[in-house]
Amino acid sequence: MARMADRIREKLRDNLAPSVLDVIDESRMHSVPKDAETHFKVVVVSQAFDGLGRVQRHQAVYRILKDELAQGVHALSIISKSPAEWEAEAAVPASPPCLGGSKSESQGN
């Protein structure tokens, strides 16, 4: 089976024809088992986003990735821009540190 990041990348590429696409596995930043593929940030720049608001763009990404979200993707951070917006500001903000409980807290240590 393909790695989750590859599946996400392929689906977004096939459905949005992005000019910029980056799929970042941020699972290591969270309290999850080693090699878990549960937390992702996607950067998608596509003409398909022209004229859409941020909520509509995120809804489109969620529709495309509905199977992945149902199969273990716990968190998905989305940076979605039109090509003109990306040209004006190509910055991708750093993800904040995980504020969830640690493994030791969940085990009562």
PDB file of N, CA and C in Angstrom:
ATOM      1  N   MET A   1       0.835  -1.180   0.000  1.00  0.00           N
ATOM      2  CA  MET A   1       0.000   0.000   0.000  1.00  0.00           C
ATOM      3  C   MET A   1       0.882   1.247   0.000  1.00  0.00           C
ATOM      4  N   ALA A   2       0.444   2.227  -0.743  1.00  0.00           N
ATOM      5  CA  ALA A   2       1.217   3.467  -0.843  1.00  0.00           C
ATOM      6  C   ALA A   2       1.200   4.211   0.486  1.00  0.00           C
ATOM      7  N   ARG A   3       2.271   4.921   0.735  1.00  0.00           N
ATOM      8  CA  ARG A   3       2.329   5.746   1.940  1.00  0.00           C
ATOM      9  C   ARG A   3       1.243   6.822   1.842  1.00  0.00           C
ATOM     10  N   MET A   4       0.737   7.226   2.990  1.00  0.00           N
ATOM     11  CA  MET A   4      -0.362   8.199   3.034  1.00  0.00           C
ATOM     12  C   MET A   4       0.013   9.498   2.337  1.00  0.00           C
ATOM     13  N   ALA A   5       1.220   9.994   2.551  1.00  0.00           N
ATOM     14  CA  ALA A   5       1.641  11.244   1.907  1.00  0.00           C
ATOM     15  C   ALA A   5       1.587  11.116   0.388  1.00  0.00           C
ATOM     16  N   ASP A   6       1.973   9.965  -0.134  1.00  0.00           N
ATOM     17  CA  ASP A   6       1.931   9.748  -1.584  1.00  0.00           C
ATOM     18  C   ASP A   6       0.496   9.716  -2.095  1.00  0.00           C
ATOM     19  N   ARG A   7      -0.385   9.091  -1.338  1.00  0.00           N
ATOM     20  CA  ARG A   7      -1.803   9.039  -1.731  1.00  0.00           C
ATOM     21  C   ARG A   7      -2.403  10.441  -1.742  1.00  0.00           C
ATOM     22  N   ILE A   8      -2.096  11.221  -0.712  1.00  0.00           N
ATOM     23  CA  ILE A   8      -2.596  12.593  -0.639  1.00  0.00           C
ATOM     24  C   ILE A   8      -2.077  13.399  -1.823  1.00  0.00           C
ATOM     25  N   ARG A   9      -0.780  13.297  -2.071  1.00  0.00           N
ATOM     26  CA  ARG A   9      -0.151  14.034  -3.173  1.00  0.00           C
ATOM     27  C   ARG A   9      -0.801  13.671  -4.508  1.00  0.00           C
ATOM     28  N   GLU A  10      -0.987  12.390  -4.758  1.00  0.00           N
ATOM     29  CA  GLU A  10      -1.559  11.934  -6.028  1.00  0.00           C
ATOM     30  C   GLU A  10      -2.990  12.443  -6.213  1.00  0.00           C
ATOM     31  N   LYS A  11      -3.802  12.354  -5.180  1.00  0.00           N
ATOM     32  CA  LYS A  11      -5.191  12.791  -5.304  1.00  0.00           C
ATOM     33  C   LYS A  11      -5.295  14.293  -5.537  1.00  0.00           C
ATOM     34  N   LEU A  12      -4.505  15.076  -4.806  1.00  0.00           N
ATOM     35  CA  LEU A  12      -4.546  16.522  -4.999  1.00  0.00           C
ATOM     36  C   LEU A  12      -4.025  16.898  -6.383  1.00  0.00           C
ATOM     37  N   ARG A  13      -2.971  16.240  -6.816  1.00  0.00           N
ATOM     38  CA  ARG A  13      -2.418  16.507  -8.150  1.00  0.00           C
ATOM     39  C   ARG A  13      -3.450  16.175  -9.231  1.00  0.00           C
ATOM     40  N   ASP A  14      -4.084  15.021  -9.118  1.00  0.00           N
ATOM     41  CA  ASP A  14      -5.036  14.586 -10.139  1.00  0.00           C
ATOM     42  C   ASP A  14      -6.300  15.440 -10.176  1.00  0.00           C
ATOM     43  N   ASN A  15      -6.722  15.960  -9.033  1.00  0.00           N
ATOM     44  CA  ASN A  15      -7.987  16.689  -8.964  1.00  0.00           C
ATOM     45  C   ASN A  15      -7.865  18.200  -9.076  1.00  0.00           C
ATOM     46  N   LEU A  16      -6.713  18.750  -8.718  1.00  0.00           N
ATOM     47  CA  LEU A  16      -6.572  20.211  -8.701  1.00  0.00           C
ATOM     48  C   LEU A  16      -5.533  20.747  -9.675  1.00  0.00           C
ATOM     49  N   ALA A  17      -4.759  19.868 -10.313  1.00  0.00           N
ATOM     50  CA  ALA A  17      -3.707  20.299 -11.242  1.00  0.00           C
ATOM     51  C   ALA A  17      -2.911  21.476 -10.675  1.00  0.00           C
ATOM     52  N   PRO A  18      -2.346  21.322  -9.482  1.00  0.00           N
ATOM     53  CA  PRO A  18      -1.677  22.455  -8.840  1.00  0.00           C
ATOM     54  C   PRO A  18      -0.366  22.844  -9.508  1.00  0.00           C
ATOM     55  N   SER A  19      -0.056  24.133  -9.425  1.00  0.00           N
ATOM     56  CA  SER A  19       1.248  24.607  -9.892  1.00  0.00           C
ATOM     57  C   SER A  19       2.275  24.449  -8.775  1.00  0.00           C
ATOM     58  N   VAL A  20       1.823  24.422  -7.533  1.00  0.00           N
ATOM     59  CA  VAL A  20       2.663  24.156  -6.372  1.00  0.00           C
ATOM     60  C   VAL A  20       1.911  23.158  -5.500  1.00  0.00           C
ATOM     61  N   LEU A  21       2.612  22.114  -5.092  1.00  0.00           N
ATOM     62  CA  LEU A  21       2.016  21.123  -4.200  1.00  0.00           C
ATOM     63  C   LEU A  21       3.099  20.587  -3.283  1.00  0.00           C
ATOM     64  N   ASP A  22       2.859  20.710  -2.000  1.00  0.00           N
ATOM     65  CA  ASP A  22       3.771  20.162  -1.011  1.00  0.00           C
ATOM     66  C   ASP A  22       2.931  19.452   0.043  1.00  0.00           C
ATOM     67  N   VAL A  23       3.275  18.210   0.321  1.00  0.00           N
ATOM     68  CA  VAL A  23       2.599  17.419   1.339  1.00  0.00           C
ATOM     69  C   VAL A  23       3.636  17.110   2.409  1.00  0.00           C
ATOM     70  N   ILE A  24       3.422  17.640   3.595  1.00  0.00           N
ATOM     71  CA  ILE A  24       4.399  17.533   4.674  1.00  0.00           C
ATOM     72  C   ILE A  24       3.808  16.664   5.785  1.00  0.00           C
ATOM     73  N   ASP A  25       4.487  15.565   6.077  1.00  0.00           N
ATOM     74  CA  ASP A  25       4.061  14.687   7.164  1.00  0.00           C
ATOM     75  C   ASP A  25       4.591  15.270   8.467  1.00  0.00           C
ATOM     76  N   GLU A  26       3.698  15.778   9.293  1.00  0.00           N
ATOM     77  CA  GLU A  26       4.080  16.388  10.571  1.00  0.00           C
ATOM     78  C   GLU A  26       3.805  15.464  11.749  1.00  0.00           C
ATOM     79  N   SER A  27       3.580  14.202  11.487  1.00  0.00           N
ATOM     80  CA  SER A  27       3.245  13.246  12.542  1.00  0.00           C
ATOM     81  C   SER A  27       4.311  13.192  13.624  1.00  0.00           C
ATOM     82  N   ARG A  28       5.571  13.318  13.234  1.00  0.00           N
ATOM     83  CA  ARG A  28       6.679  13.228  14.191  1.00  0.00           C
ATOM     84  C   ARG A  28       6.616  14.318  15.254  1.00  0.00           C
ATOM     85  N   MET A  29       5.875  15.381  14.979  1.00  0.00           N
ATOM     86  CA  MET A  29       5.757  16.494  15.912  1.00  0.00           C
ATOM     87  C   MET A  29       4.678  16.249  16.975  1.00  0.00           C
ATOM     88  N   HIS A  30       4.034  15.096  16.905  1.00  0.00           N
ATOM     89  CA  HIS A  30       2.903  14.805  17.774  1.00  0.00           C
ATOM     90  C   HIS A  30       3.127  13.510  18.543  1.00  0.00           C
ATOM     91  N   SER A  31       2.320  13.292  19.538  1.00  0.00           N
ATOM     92  CA  SER A  31       2.429  12.100  20.373  1.00  0.00           C
ATOM     93  C   SER A  31       1.715  10.928  19.702  1.00  0.00           C
ATOM     94  N   VAL A  32       2.379  10.390  18.695  1.00  0.00           N
ATOM     95  CA  VAL A  32       1.833   9.248  17.956  1.00  0.00           C
ATOM     96  C   VAL A  32       2.923   8.185  17.848  1.00  0.00           C
ATOM     97  N   PRO A  33       2.540   6.947  17.563  1.00  0.00           N
ATOM     98  CA  PRO A  33       3.559   5.898  17.406  1.00  0.00           C
ATOM     99  C   PRO A  33       4.529   6.215  16.269  1.00  0.00           C
ATOM    100  N   LYS A  34       5.717   5.658  16.369  1.00  0.00           N
ATOM    101  CA  LYS A  34       6.734   5.818  15.323  1.00  0.00           C
ATOM    102  C   LYS A  34       6.155   5.364  13.986  1.00  0.00           C
ATOM    103  N   ASP A  35       6.454   6.086  12.943  1.00  0.00           N
ATOM    104  CA  ASP A  35       5.996   5.811  11.582  1.00  0.00           C
ATOM    105  C   ASP A  35       4.494   6.005  11.382  1.00  0.00           C
ATOM    106  N   ALA A  36       3.829   6.639  12.330  1.00  0.00           N
ATOM    107  CA  ALA A  36       2.415   6.965  12.139  1.00  0.00           C
ATOM    108  C   ALA A  36       2.305   8.013  11.035  1.00  0.00           C
ATOM    109  N   GLU A  37       1.269   7.936  10.284  1.00  0.00           N
ATOM    110  CA  GLU A  37       1.008   8.917   9.228  1.00  0.00           C
ATOM    111  C   GLU A  37      -0.365   9.508   9.505  1.00  0.00           C
ATOM    112  N   THR A  38      -0.404  10.427  10.469  1.00  0.00           N
ATOM    113  CA  THR A  38      -1.678  10.926  10.955  1.00  0.00           C
ATOM    114  C   THR A  38      -1.851  12.436  10.886  1.00  0.00           C
ATOM    115  N   HIS A  39      -0.766  13.180  10.800  1.00  0.00           N
ATOM    116  CA  HIS A  39      -0.817  14.638  10.821  1.00  0.00           C
ATOM    117  C   HIS A  39      -0.092  15.187   9.589  1.00  0.00           C
ATOM    118  N   PHE A  40      -0.799  15.973   8.782  1.00  0.00           N
ATOM    119  CA  PHE A  40      -0.218  16.485   7.542  1.00  0.00           C
ATOM    120  C   PHE A  40      -0.508  17.970   7.361  1.00  0.00           C
ATOM    121  N   LYS A  41       0.415  18.623   6.673  1.00  0.00           N
ATOM    122  CA  LYS A  41       0.204  19.982   6.170  1.00  0.00           C
ATOM    123  C   LYS A  41       0.304  19.882   4.658  1.00  0.00           C
ATOM    124  N   VAL A  42      -0.671  20.466   3.964  1.00  0.00           N
ATOM    125  CA  VAL A  42      -0.605  20.499   2.512  1.00  0.00           C
ATOM    126  C   VAL A  42      -0.584  21.953   2.056  1.00  0.00           C
ATOM    127  N   VAL A  43       0.263  22.213   1.094  1.00  0.00           N
ATOM    128  CA  VAL A  43       0.338  23.520   0.441  1.00  0.00           C
ATOM    129  C   VAL A  43      -0.092  23.276  -0.993  1.00  0.00           C
ATOM    130  N   VAL A  44      -1.206  23.903  -1.379  1.00  0.00           N
ATOM    131  CA  VAL A  44      -1.776  23.670  -2.705  1.00  0.00           C
ATOM    132  C   VAL A  44      -2.034  25.017  -3.365  1.00  0.00           C
ATOM    133  N   VAL A  45      -1.422  25.214  -4.522  1.00  0.00           N
ATOM    134  CA  VAL A  45      -1.651  26.416  -5.319  1.00  0.00           C
ATOM    135  C   VAL A  45      -2.271  25.953  -6.624  1.00  0.00           C
ATOM    136  N   SER A  46      -3.495  26.415  -6.871  1.00  0.00           N
ATOM    137  CA  SER A  46      -4.214  25.929  -8.051  1.00  0.00           C
ATOM    138  C   SER A  46      -5.139  27.002  -8.606  1.00  0.00           C
ATOM    139  N   GLN A  47      -5.267  27.029  -9.922  1.00  0.00           N
ATOM    140  CA  GLN A  47      -6.230  27.927 -10.560  1.00  0.00           C
ATOM    141  C   GLN A  47      -7.657  27.552 -10.168  1.00  0.00           C
ATOM    142  N   ALA A  48      -7.854  26.312  -9.753  1.00  0.00           N
ATOM    143  CA  ALA A  48      -9.186  25.876  -9.311  1.00  0.00           C
ATOM    144  C   ALA A  48      -9.661  26.696  -8.114  1.00  0.00           C
ATOM    145  N   PHE A  49      -8.751  27.362  -7.406  1.00  0.00           N
ATOM    146  CA  PHE A  49      -9.108  28.151  -6.232  1.00  0.00           C
ATOM    147  C   PHE A  49      -9.461  29.603  -6.573  1.00  0.00           C
ATOM    148  N   ASP A  50      -9.259  30.016  -7.819  1.00  0.00           N
ATOM    149  CA  ASP A  50      -9.605  31.375  -8.215  1.00  0.00           C
ATOM    150  C   ASP A  50     -11.076  31.643  -7.906  1.00  0.00           C
ATOM    151  N   GLY A  51     -11.345  32.732  -7.209  1.00  0.00           N
ATOM    152  CA  GLY A  51     -12.714  33.128  -6.926  1.00  0.00           C
ATOM    153  C   GLY A  51     -13.366  32.406  -5.758  1.00  0.00           C
ATOM    154  N   LEU A  52     -12.661  31.468  -5.125  1.00  0.00           N
ATOM    155  CA  LEU A  52     -13.205  30.752  -3.976  1.00  0.00           C
ATOM    156  C   LEU A  52     -12.650  31.324  -2.677  1.00  0.00           C
ATOM    157  N   GLY A  53     -13.467  31.326  -1.659  1.00  0.00           N
ATOM    158  CA  GLY A  53     -13.016  31.725  -0.330  1.00  0.00           C
ATOM    159  C   GLY A  53     -12.255  30.582   0.319  1.00  0.00           C
ATOM    160  N   ARG A  54     -11.637  30.873   1.449  1.00  0.00           N
ATOM    161  CA  ARG A  54     -10.822  29.874   2.137  1.00  0.00           C
ATOM    162  C   ARG A  54     -11.646  28.654   2.551  1.00  0.00           C
ATOM    163  N   VAL A  55     -12.841  28.865   3.058  1.00  0.00           N
ATOM    164  CA  VAL A  55     -13.676  27.733   3.481  1.00  0.00           C
ATOM    165  C   VAL A  55     -14.019  26.845   2.289  1.00  0.00           C
ATOM    166  N   GLN A  56     -14.376  27.441   1.170  1.00  0.00           N
ATOM    167  CA  GLN A  56     -14.698  26.656  -0.026  1.00  0.00           C
ATOM    168  C   GLN A  56     -13.488  25.863  -0.522  1.00  0.00           C
ATOM    169  N   ARG A  57     -12.319  26.452  -0.437  1.00  0.00           N
ATOM    170  CA  ARG A  57     -11.097  25.769  -0.850  1.00  0.00           C
ATOM    171  C   ARG A  57     -10.837  24.570   0.058  1.00  0.00           C
ATOM    172  N   HIS A  58     -10.968  24.784   1.357  1.00  0.00           N
ATOM    173  CA  HIS A  58     -10.739  23.691   2.305  1.00  0.00           C
ATOM    174  C   HIS A  58     -11.767  22.593   2.118  1.00  0.00           C
ATOM    175  N   GLN A  59     -13.020  22.961   1.868  1.00  0.00           N
ATOM    176  CA  GLN A  59     -14.052  21.958   1.616  1.00  0.00           C
ATOM    177  C   GLN A  59     -13.704  21.125   0.389  1.00  0.00           C
ATOM    178  N   ALA A  60     -13.170  21.752  -0.637  1.00  0.00           N
ATOM    179  CA  ALA A  60     -12.772  21.017  -1.843  1.00  0.00           C
ATOM    180  C   ALA A  60     -11.669  20.008  -1.522  1.00  0.00           C
ATOM    181  N   VAL A  61     -10.682  20.428  -0.742  1.00  0.00           N
ATOM    182  CA  VAL A  61      -9.589  19.532  -0.359  1.00  0.00           C
ATOM    183  C   VAL A  61     -10.126  18.386   0.498  1.00  0.00           C
ATOM    184  N   TYR A  62     -11.002  18.694   1.440  1.00  0.00           N
ATOM    185  CA  TYR A  62     -11.590  17.646   2.282  1.00  0.00           C
ATOM    186  C   TYR A  62     -12.374  16.632   1.449  1.00  0.00           C
ATOM    187  N   ARG A  63     -13.129  17.117   0.448  1.00  0.00           N
ATOM    188  CA  ARG A  63     -13.874  16.190  -0.432  1.00  0.00           C
ATOM    189  C   ARG A  63     -12.916  15.257  -1.167  1.00  0.00           C
ATOM    190  N   ILE A  64     -11.848  15.818  -1.681  1.00  0.00           N
ATOM    191  CA  ILE A  64     -10.870  15.023  -2.442  1.00  0.00           C
ATOM    192  C   ILE A  64     -10.210  13.983  -1.541  1.00  0.00           C
ATOM    193  N   LEU A  65      -9.953  14.342  -0.291  1.00  0.00           N
ATOM    194  CA  LEU A  65      -9.227  13.455   0.632  1.00  0.00           C
ATOM    195  C   LEU A  65     -10.151  12.744   1.627  1.00  0.00           C
ATOM    196  N   LYS A  66     -11.434  12.634   1.315  1.00  0.00           N
ATOM    197  CA  LYS A  66     -12.388  12.047   2.273  1.00  0.00           C
ATOM    198  C   LYS A  66     -12.004  10.633   2.686  1.00  0.00           C
ATOM    199  N   ASP A  67     -11.502   9.826   1.759  1.00  0.00           N
ATOM    200  CA  ASP A  67     -11.108   8.452   2.106  1.00  0.00           C
ATOM    201  C   ASP A  67      -9.912   8.442   3.057  1.00  0.00           C
ATOM    202  N   GLU A  68      -8.931   9.300   2.806  1.00  0.00           N
ATOM    203  CA  GLU A  68      -7.747   9.368   3.660  1.00  0.00           C
ATOM    204  C   GLU A  68      -8.108   9.855   5.061  1.00  0.00           C
ATOM    205  N   LEU A  69      -9.033  10.814   5.127  1.00  0.00           N
ATOM    206  CA  LEU A  69      -9.475  11.313   6.431  1.00  0.00           C
ATOM    207  C   LEU A  69     -10.219  10.226   7.198  1.00  0.00           C
ATOM    208  N   ALA A  70     -10.915   9.366   6.493  1.00  0.00           N
ATOM    209  CA  ALA A  70     -11.640   8.265   7.138  1.00  0.00           C
ATOM    210  C   ALA A  70     -10.710   7.110   7.509  1.00  0.00           C
ATOM    211  N   GLN A  71      -9.509   7.096   6.925  1.00  0.00           N
ATOM    212  CA  GLN A  71      -8.594   5.974   7.122  1.00  0.00           C
ATOM    213  C   GLN A  71      -7.374   6.343   7.957  1.00  0.00           C
ATOM    214  N   GLY A  72      -7.512   7.271   8.876  1.00  0.00           N
ATOM    215  CA  GLY A  72      -6.423   7.489   9.812  1.00  0.00           C
ATOM    216  C   GLY A  72      -5.762   8.846   9.822  1.00  0.00           C
ATOM    217  N   VAL A  73      -6.044   9.713   8.851  1.00  0.00           N
ATOM    218  CA  VAL A  73      -5.478  11.058   8.924  1.00  0.00           C
ATOM    219  C   VAL A  73      -6.255  11.794  10.007  1.00  0.00           C
ATOM    220  N   HIS A  74      -5.554  12.155  11.051  1.00  0.00           N
ATOM    221  CA  HIS A  74      -6.174  12.773  12.222  1.00  0.00           C
ATOM    222  C   HIS A  74      -6.232  14.294  12.095  1.00  0.00           C
ATOM    223  N   ALA A  75      -5.204  14.884  11.490  1.00  0.00           N
ATOM    224  CA  ALA A  75      -5.135  16.339  11.382  1.00  0.00           C
ATOM    225  C   ALA A  75      -4.609  16.725  10.007  1.00  0.00           C
ATOM    226  N   LEU A  76      -5.238  17.752   9.425  1.00  0.00           N
ATOM    227  CA  LEU A  76      -4.845  18.222   8.105  1.00  0.00           C
ATOM    228  C   LEU A  76      -4.840  19.744   8.119  1.00  0.00           C
ATOM    229  N   SER A  77      -3.658  20.321   8.011  1.00  0.00           N
ATOM    230  CA  SER A  77      -3.501  21.758   7.898  1.00  0.00           C
ATOM    231  C   SER A  77      -3.416  22.087   6.415  1.00  0.00           C
ATOM    232  N   ILE A  78      -4.197  23.068   5.971  1.00  0.00           N
ATOM    233  CA  ILE A  78      -4.276  23.366   4.536  1.00  0.00           C
ATOM    234  C   ILE A  78      -3.886  24.811   4.275  1.00  0.00           C
ATOM    235  N   ILE A  79      -2.911  24.992   3.406  1.00  0.00           N
ATOM    236  CA  ILE A  79      -2.566  26.303   2.853  1.00  0.00           C
ATOM    237  C   ILE A  79      -3.017  26.228   1.399  1.00  0.00           C
ATOM    238  N   SER A  80      -4.071  26.958   1.052  1.00  0.00           N
ATOM    239  CA  SER A  80      -4.628  26.892  -0.303  1.00  0.00           C
ATOM    240  C   SER A  80      -4.656  28.298  -0.892  1.00  0.00           C
ATOM    241  N   LYS A  81      -4.006  28.433  -2.038  1.00  0.00           N
ATOM    242  CA  LYS A  81      -3.915  29.748  -2.671  1.00  0.00           C
ATOM    243  C   LYS A  81      -4.110  29.637  -4.173  1.00  0.00           C
ATOM    244  N   SER A  82      -4.558  30.740  -4.747  1.00  0.00           N
ATOM    245  CA  SER A  82      -4.581  30.848  -6.201  1.00  0.00           C
ATOM    246  C   SER A  82      -3.158  31.187  -6.649  1.00  0.00           C
ATOM    247  N   PRO A  83      -2.855  31.004  -7.930  1.00  0.00           N
ATOM    248  CA  PRO A  83      -1.506  31.372  -8.400  1.00  0.00           C
ATOM    249  C   PRO A  83      -1.164  32.848  -8.135  1.00  0.00           C
ATOM    250  N   ALA A  84      -2.117  33.745  -8.295  1.00  0.00           N
ATOM    251  CA  ALA A  84      -1.848  35.169  -8.043  1.00  0.00           C
ATOM    252  C   ALA A  84      -1.549  35.423  -6.573  1.00  0.00           C
ATOM    253  N   GLU A  85      -2.279  34.758  -5.679  1.00  0.00           N
ATOM    254  CA  GLU A  85      -2.018  34.913  -4.247  1.00  0.00           C
ATOM    255  C   GLU A  85      -0.642  34.361  -3.884  1.00  0.00           C
ATOM    256  N   TRP A  86      -0.274  33.239  -4.482  1.00  0.00           N
ATOM    257  CA  TRP A  86       1.025  32.635  -4.213  1.00  0.00           C
ATOM    258  C   TRP A  86       2.145  33.538  -4.708  1.00  0.00           C
ATOM    259  N   GLU A  87       1.934  34.144  -5.880  1.00  0.00           N
ATOM    260  CA  GLU A  87       2.943  35.050  -6.420  1.00  0.00           C
ATOM    261  C   GLU A  87       3.125  36.258  -5.499  1.00  0.00           C
ATOM    262  N   ALA A  88       2.037  36.741  -4.908  1.00  0.00           N
ATOM    263  CA  ALA A  88       2.106  37.890  -4.006  1.00  0.00           C
ATOM    264  C   ALA A  88       2.736  37.524  -2.667  1.00  0.00           C
ATOM    265  N   GLU A  89       2.482  36.292  -2.195  1.00  0.00           N
ATOM    266  CA  GLU A  89       3.035  35.861  -0.915  1.00  0.00           C
ATOM    267  C   GLU A  89       3.174  34.345  -0.905  1.00  0.00           C
ATOM    268  N   ALA A  90       4.407  33.894  -1.103  1.00  0.00           N
ATOM    269  CA  ALA A  90       4.679  32.455  -1.181  1.00  0.00           C
ATOM    270  C   ALA A  90       5.101  31.878   0.170  1.00  0.00           C
ATOM    271  N   ALA A  91       4.810  32.583   1.233  1.00  0.00           N
ATOM    272  CA  ALA A  91       5.227  32.124   2.556  1.00  0.00           C
ATOM    273  C   ALA A  91       4.318  31.009   3.066  1.00  0.00           C
ATOM    274  N   VAL A  92       4.934  30.058   3.744  1.00  0.00           N
ATOM    275  CA  VAL A  92       4.202  28.983   4.405  1.00  0.00           C
ATOM    276  C   VAL A  92       4.524  29.082   5.891  1.00  0.00           C
ATOM    277  N   PRO A  93       3.534  29.406   6.701  1.00  0.00           N
ATOM    278  CA  PRO A  93       3.819  29.558   8.128  1.00  0.00           C
ATOM    279  C   PRO A  93       4.233  28.238   8.770  1.00  0.00           C
ATOM    280  N   ALA A  94       5.108  28.345   9.759  1.00  0.00           N
ATOM    281  CA  ALA A  94       5.521  27.158  10.505  1.00  0.00           C
ATOM    282  C   ALA A  94       4.345  26.664  11.327  1.00  0.00           C
ATOM    283  N   SER A  95       4.287  25.372  11.509  1.00  0.00           N
ATOM    284  CA  SER A  95       3.228  24.792  12.331  1.00  0.00           C
ATOM    285  C   SER A  95       3.547  25.011  13.801  1.00  0.00           C
ATOM    286  N   PRO A  96       2.518  25.261  14.599  1.00  0.00           N
ATOM    287  CA  PRO A  96       2.758  25.443  16.026  1.00  0.00           C
ATOM    288  C   PRO A  96       3.115  24.111  16.682  1.00  0.00           C
ATOM    289  N   PRO A  97       3.736  24.164  17.840  1.00  0.00           N
ATOM    290  CA  PRO A  97       4.050  22.911  18.534  1.00  0.00           C
ATOM    291  C   PRO A  97       2.772  22.216  18.989  1.00  0.00           C
ATOM    292  N   CYS A  98       2.850  20.922  19.088  1.00  0.00           N
ATOM    293  CA  CYS A  98       1.711  20.130  19.537  1.00  0.00           C
ATOM    294  C   CYS A  98       1.397  20.473  20.990  1.00  0.00           C
ATOM    295  N   LEU A  99       0.138  20.719  21.276  1.00  0.00           N
ATOM    296  CA  LEU A  99      -0.276  21.031  22.642  1.00  0.00           C
ATOM    297  C   LEU A  99      -1.049  19.873  23.261  1.00  0.00           C
ATOM    298  N   GLY A 100      -1.134  18.768  22.526  1.00  0.00           N
ATOM    299  CA  GLY A 100      -1.850  17.601  23.027  1.00  0.00           C
ATOM    300  C   GLY A 100      -1.080  16.907  24.125  1.00  0.00           C
ATOM    301  N   GLY A 101      -1.736  15.955  24.768  1.00  0.00           N
ATOM    302  CA  GLY A 101      -1.094  15.198  25.838  1.00  0.00           C
ATOM    303  C   GLY A 101       0.048  14.344  25.317  1.00  0.00           C
ATOM    304  N   SER A 102       1.013  14.103  26.168  1.00  0.00           N
ATOM    305  CA  SER A 102       2.144  13.269  25.780  1.00  0.00           C
ATOM    306  C   SER A 102       1.797  11.812  26.020  1.00  0.00           C
ATOM    307  N   LYS A 103       2.588  10.921  25.461  1.00  0.00           N
ATOM    308  CA  LYS A 103       2.386   9.498  25.652  1.00  0.00           C
ATOM    309  C   LYS A 103       2.432   9.133  27.139  1.00  0.00           C
ATOM    310  N   SER A 104       3.365   9.754  27.883  1.00  0.00           N
ATOM    311  CA  SER A 104       3.488   9.431  29.297  1.00  0.00           C
ATOM    312  C   SER A 104       2.262   9.881  30.083  1.00  0.00           C
ATOM    313  N   GLU A 105       1.652  11.023  29.668  1.00  0.00           N
ATOM    314  CA  GLU A 105       0.445  11.486  30.353  1.00  0.00           C
ATOM    315  C   GLU A 105      -0.717  10.534  30.116  1.00  0.00           C
ATOM    316  N   SER A 106      -0.816  10.012  28.886  1.00  0.00           N
ATOM    317  CA  SER A 106      -1.922   9.106  28.580  1.00  0.00           C
ATOM    318  C   SER A 106      -1.752   7.756  29.255  1.00  0.00           C
ATOM    319  N   GLN A 107      -0.531   7.438  29.700  1.00  0.00           N
ATOM    320  CA  GLN A 107      -0.280   6.162  30.359  1.00  0.00           C
ATOM    321  C   GLN A 107      -0.263   6.323  31.881  1.00  0.00           C
ATOM    322  N   GLY A 108      -0.554   7.528  32.348  1.00  0.00           N
ATOM    323  CA  GLY A 108      -0.607   7.776  33.777  1.00  0.00           C
ATOM    324  C   GLY A 108       0.733   7.872  34.465  1.00  0.00           C
ATOM    325  N   ASN A 109       1.814   8.145  33.712  1.00  0.00           N
ATOM    326  CA  ASN A 109       3.162   8.286  34.293  1.00  0.00           C
ATOM    327  C   ASN A 109       3.420   9.699  34.753  1.00  0.00           C
TER     328      ASN A 109
END
